[in-house]
Amino acid sequence: MKIGGVSIILILGIGNFVLLLFQLSSGLRWIKVPFNVHRKTGIALFVVAVIHATLAILAL
């Protein structure tokens, strides 16, 4: 499965990494965001990670 020649699994993996970096930096207060934003991005991280893992397992 590809979008524009790039694997969907790779795109979701990069998205996971970006969300993880945001969660880490906001949790350690390197950047100041409201708690609601931190919580919603945590939920988004979980959803994207589950989709990424499911597609990666099915690709085997």
Protein backbone atom coordinates (compact mmCIF):
# COMPACT_ATOMS: atom_id res chain seq x y z
CA MET A 1 0.00 0.00 0.00
CA LYS A 2 1.54 3.24 -1.16
CA ILE A 3 0.60 6.88 -1.44
CA GLY A 4 2.60 8.71 -4.08
CA GLY A 5 5.22 5.96 -4.09
CA VAL A 6 5.73 6.11 -0.30
CA SER A 7 4.57 3.32 1.98
CA ILE A 8 1.60 4.12 4.24
CA ILE A 9 3.37 2.26 7.04
CA LEU A 10 6.37 4.58 6.70
CA ILE A 11 4.15 7.68 6.75
CA LEU A 12 2.37 6.46 9.89
CA GLY A 13 5.73 5.63 11.51
CA ILE A 14 7.00 9.15 10.88
CA GLY A 15 3.72 10.50 12.26
CA ASN A 16 4.18 8.36 15.37
CA PHE A 17 7.68 9.73 15.86
CA VAL A 18 6.52 13.34 15.53
CA LEU A 19 3.63 12.79 17.95
CA LEU A 20 5.97 11.05 20.38
CA LEU A 21 8.43 13.95 20.28
CA PHE A 22 5.57 16.39 20.90
CA GLN A 23 4.29 14.34 23.84
CA LEU A 24 7.76 14.14 25.35
CA SER A 25 8.50 17.83 24.93
CA SER A 26 5.13 18.95 26.27
CA GLY A 27 5.24 16.45 29.16
CA LEU A 28 8.68 17.67 30.22
CA ARG A 29 7.49 21.27 29.79
CA TRP A 30 10.04 22.14 27.12
CA ILE A 31 7.09 23.63 25.28
CA LYS A 32 4.05 24.94 27.10
CA VAL A 33 0.70 23.59 25.94
CA PRO A 34 -2.59 23.22 27.78
CA PHE A 35 -3.24 19.81 29.32
CA ASN A 36 -6.19 19.24 26.96
CA VAL A 37 -3.88 19.51 23.94
CA HIS A 38 -1.40 17.12 25.55
CA ARG A 39 -4.19 14.63 26.26
CA LYS A 40 -5.70 14.83 22.76
CA THR A 41 -2.34 14.33 21.08
CA GLY A 42 -1.73 11.36 23.37
CA ILE A 43 -4.98 9.82 22.16
CA ALA A 44 -4.01 10.58 18.56
CA LEU A 45 -0.62 8.95 19.17
CA PHE A 46 -2.33 5.79 20.44
CA VAL A 47 -4.71 5.60 17.47
CA VAL A 48 -1.98 6.18 14.89
CA ALA A 49 0.30 3.65 16.62
CA VAL A 50 -2.42 0.98 16.57
CA ILE A 51 -3.11 1.58 12.87
CA HIS A 52 0.63 1.57 12.11
CA ALA A 53 1.17 -1.70 14.01
CA THR A 54 -1.86 -3.39 12.44
CA LEU A 55 -0.78 -2.52 8.91
CA ALA A 56 2.81 -3.57 9.64
CA ILE A 57 1.66 -6.97 10.93
CA LEU A 58 -0.64 -7.48 7.94
CA ALA A 59 2.20 -6.56 5.56
CA LEU A 60 4.25 -9.53 6.76
